[in-house]
Amino acid sequence: MSEANPIENTAPDWAAWSREAVQTMMARNAEWPGQFGLQASPAYRWDLDKAILVLEGALHKVVATVCLVGTSSDSEGSFLWSWANEAVPPKHGQALEVVHDFGRDNQLALLTTASIQGGRPEATECLCIAARLQRAMGTFIDKQGDVTLYFSILHMQLAPVEGTLAN
């Protein structure tokens, strides 16, 4: 007489899933600069109200639609999700609803707690998870004094050519 295998109802390994999100974003971040002709460290500027990031390559500019996922503070040792930050335009929090919903549906405190203790490693993990859930092209990080800003890159395109062409 053979025994039937019981159906196992195991919970997902969220730590492995999170590591995979970080690996995926690292791979995508290695690809998009070359795809858009952005070598080394291009000059850039971002606008939170417009949710754009402009990167300046040697021959052209690239415009990206971004979502500010959150910020971290060196002095406070914490990461704050944009949906919980009143200083961030609401459109960023709205773009993170998929992340917040996923956290609620799977009871993942990392995705539903407004402020998380930790530094850059914890913030980077949150960024990569968010970017994975948003199906982002990659990520971008900028440091402004004590604050580090963590962006997911949702879409990129070459900027239109300015002015008139010679011929």
Protein backbone atom coordinates (compact mmCIF):
# COMPACT_ATOMS: atom_id res chain seq x y z
CA MET A 1 0.00 0.00 0.00
CA SER A 2 1.49 3.33 -1.00
CA GLU A 3 0.96 6.54 0.88
CA ALA A 4 -0.28 9.57 -0.97
CA ASN A 5 1.97 12.59 -0.76
CA PRO A 6 0.26 15.25 1.28
CA ILE A 7 -0.07 18.58 -0.48
CA GLU A 8 2.29 20.97 1.21
CA ASN A 9 1.00 24.44 1.82
CA THR A 10 4.28 26.28 2.36
CA ALA A 11 4.65 30.02 2.59
CA PRO A 12 6.82 31.75 -0.01
CA ASP A 13 10.44 32.35 0.93
CA TRP A 14 10.24 36.14 1.05
CA ALA A 15 13.95 36.52 1.85
CA ALA A 16 14.86 34.66 -1.35
CA TRP A 17 12.23 36.61 -3.29
CA SER A 18 13.71 39.87 -1.99
CA ARG A 19 17.27 38.81 -2.90
CA GLU A 20 16.03 37.96 -6.38
CA ALA A 21 14.46 41.43 -6.67
CA VAL A 22 17.82 43.03 -5.80
CA GLN A 23 19.67 40.80 -8.30
CA THR A 24 17.13 41.58 -11.02
CA MET A 25 17.46 45.33 -10.53
CA MET A 26 21.27 45.13 -10.43
CA ALA A 27 21.17 43.31 -13.78
CA ARG A 28 18.76 45.86 -15.27
CA ASN A 29 20.90 48.73 -13.95
CA ALA A 30 23.88 47.21 -15.75
CA GLU A 31 21.90 47.19 -19.02
CA TRP A 32 19.97 50.44 -19.41
CA PRO A 33 22.91 52.89 -19.44
CA GLY A 34 24.45 51.08 -22.41
CA GLN A 35 21.10 50.78 -24.17
CA PHE A 36 20.70 54.55 -24.01
CA GLY A 37 24.33 55.51 -24.67
CA LEU A 38 24.97 56.73 -21.14
CA GLN A 39 28.52 55.88 -20.16
CA ALA A 40 30.34 56.69 -16.93
CA SER A 41 28.42 59.05 -14.68
CA PRO A 42 26.23 61.27 -16.85
CA ALA A 43 25.06 64.65 -15.63
CA TYR A 44 21.47 64.48 -14.43
CA ARG A 45 18.65 66.43 -12.88
CA TRP A 46 15.28 65.33 -11.57
CA ASP A 47 11.95 66.98 -10.94
CA LEU A 48 9.68 65.42 -8.30
CA ASP A 49 6.59 67.37 -9.38
CA LYS A 50 6.90 66.14 -12.97
CA ALA A 51 8.24 62.70 -11.91
CA ILE A 52 11.07 62.87 -14.43
CA LEU A 53 14.80 62.29 -14.47
CA VAL A 54 16.90 63.76 -17.29
CA LEU A 55 20.27 62.16 -17.98
CA GLU A 56 22.75 63.87 -20.30
CA GLY A 57 24.79 61.62 -22.55
CA ALA A 58 27.65 62.81 -24.75
CA LEU A 59 25.40 63.08 -27.83
CA HIS A 60 21.88 63.28 -26.46
CA LYS A 61 19.62 63.51 -23.42
CA VAL A 62 17.49 60.72 -22.04
CA VAL A 63 14.22 61.41 -20.22
CA ALA A 64 12.93 58.90 -17.69
CA THR A 65 9.60 58.70 -15.92
CA VAL A 66 10.44 57.90 -12.32
CA CYS A 67 8.80 57.15 -9.01
CA LEU A 68 10.43 58.35 -5.82
CA VAL A 69 10.11 55.14 -3.81
CA GLY A 70 11.44 56.68 -0.63
CA THR A 71 14.22 58.50 1.16
CA SER A 72 16.71 57.63 3.83
CA SER A 73 18.39 59.85 6.35
CA ASP A 74 21.94 59.16 7.50
CA SER A 75 21.41 61.02 10.77
CA GLU A 76 18.12 59.23 11.57
CA GLY A 77 19.21 55.82 10.29
CA SER A 78 15.87 55.16 8.63
CA PHE A 79 14.08 54.73 5.33
CA LEU A 80 10.74 56.49 4.75
CA TRP A 81 8.39 55.31 2.01
CA SER A 82 7.15 58.12 -0.25
CA TRP A 83 3.52 57.21 0.41
CA ALA A 84 4.15 58.20 4.05
CA ASN A 85 6.07 61.41 3.32
CA GLU A 86 3.87 64.52 3.08
CA ALA A 87 6.74 66.45 1.44
CA VAL A 88 6.64 64.16 -1.61
CA PRO A 89 4.07 64.84 -4.38
CA PRO A 90 1.15 62.37 -4.06
CA LYS A 91 1.68 60.88 -7.54
CA HIS A 92 4.72 58.99 -6.20
CA GLY A 93 2.68 57.39 -3.43
CA GLN A 94 -0.01 56.52 -5.96
CA ALA A 95 2.60 54.79 -8.14
CA LEU A 96 3.57 52.76 -5.07
CA GLU A 97 0.04 51.44 -4.42
CA VAL A 98 0.95 48.15 -6.10
CA VAL A 99 3.76 47.77 -3.54
CA HIS A 100 1.62 48.75 -0.57
CA ASP A 101 -1.18 46.41 -1.72
CA PHE A 102 1.28 43.53 -2.20
CA GLY A 103 2.60 44.12 1.32
CA ARG A 104 -0.90 44.11 2.81
CA ASP A 105 -1.98 41.04 0.83
CA ASN A 106 1.10 39.08 1.94
CA GLN A 107 1.42 40.56 5.44
CA LEU A 108 4.89 41.96 4.72
CA ALA A 109 5.62 44.67 7.28
CA LEU A 110 8.61 45.87 5.26
CA LEU A 111 6.18 47.10 2.59
CA THR A 112 3.48 48.48 4.88
CA THR A 113 5.46 50.18 7.65
CA ALA A 114 5.94 53.88 6.89
CA SER A 115 9.46 54.17 8.33
CA ILE A 116 12.00 51.36 8.52
CA GLN A 117 15.07 51.44 10.70
CA GLY A 118 18.31 50.90 8.84
CA GLY A 119 20.54 52.46 6.28
CA ARG A 120 21.35 52.08 2.63
CA PRO A 121 21.10 48.25 2.53
CA GLU A 122 17.53 48.26 3.87
CA ALA A 123 16.56 51.20 1.66
CA THR A 124 18.05 49.51 -1.41
CA GLU A 125 16.11 46.34 -0.64
CA CYS A 126 12.86 48.36 -0.41
CA LEU A 127 13.73 50.13 -3.68
CA CYS A 128 14.40 46.88 -5.54
CA ILE A 129 11.25 45.22 -4.23
CA ALA A 130 9.20 48.24 -5.29
CA ALA A 131 10.86 48.34 -8.70
CA ARG A 132 10.23 44.64 -9.21
CA LEU A 133 6.54 45.01 -8.34
CA GLN A 134 6.25 48.09 -10.59
CA ARG A 135 7.98 46.18 -13.43
CA ALA A 136 10.51 49.01 -13.59
CA MET A 137 13.37 49.24 -16.07
CA GLY A 138 15.83 49.87 -13.27
CA THR A 139 16.61 52.14 -10.36
CA PHE A 140 18.43 55.39 -9.67
CA ILE A 141 19.84 56.66 -6.36
CA ASP A 142 20.86 60.23 -5.58
CA LYS A 143 22.33 61.68 -2.39
CA GLN A 144 21.52 65.25 -1.34
CA GLY A 145 23.35 66.04 1.91
CA ASP A 146 21.96 63.86 4.71
CA VAL A 147 19.14 62.50 2.53
CA THR A 148 19.37 59.77 -0.09
CA LEU A 149 16.59 59.51 -2.67
CA TYR A 150 15.61 56.13 -4.17
CA PHE A 151 13.91 56.19 -7.58
CA SER A 152 12.43 53.42 -9.69
CA ILE A 153 12.73 54.05 -13.44
CA LEU A 154 9.40 53.26 -15.03
CA HIS A 155 10.05 54.36 -18.62
CA MET A 156 12.94 55.87 -20.63
CA GLN A 157 13.25 57.49 -24.01
CA LEU A 158 15.61 59.72 -25.93
CA ALA A 159 14.73 63.38 -25.50
CA PRO A 160 13.43 65.17 -28.61
CA VAL A 161 16.09 67.03 -30.58
CA GLU A 162 16.06 70.71 -29.65
CA GLY A 163 16.27 73.41 -32.30
CA THR A 164 16.45 72.93 -36.04
CA LEU A 165 18.73 70.62 -37.95
CA ALA A 166 21.38 72.01 -40.31
CA ASN A 167 20.14 70.20 -43.42
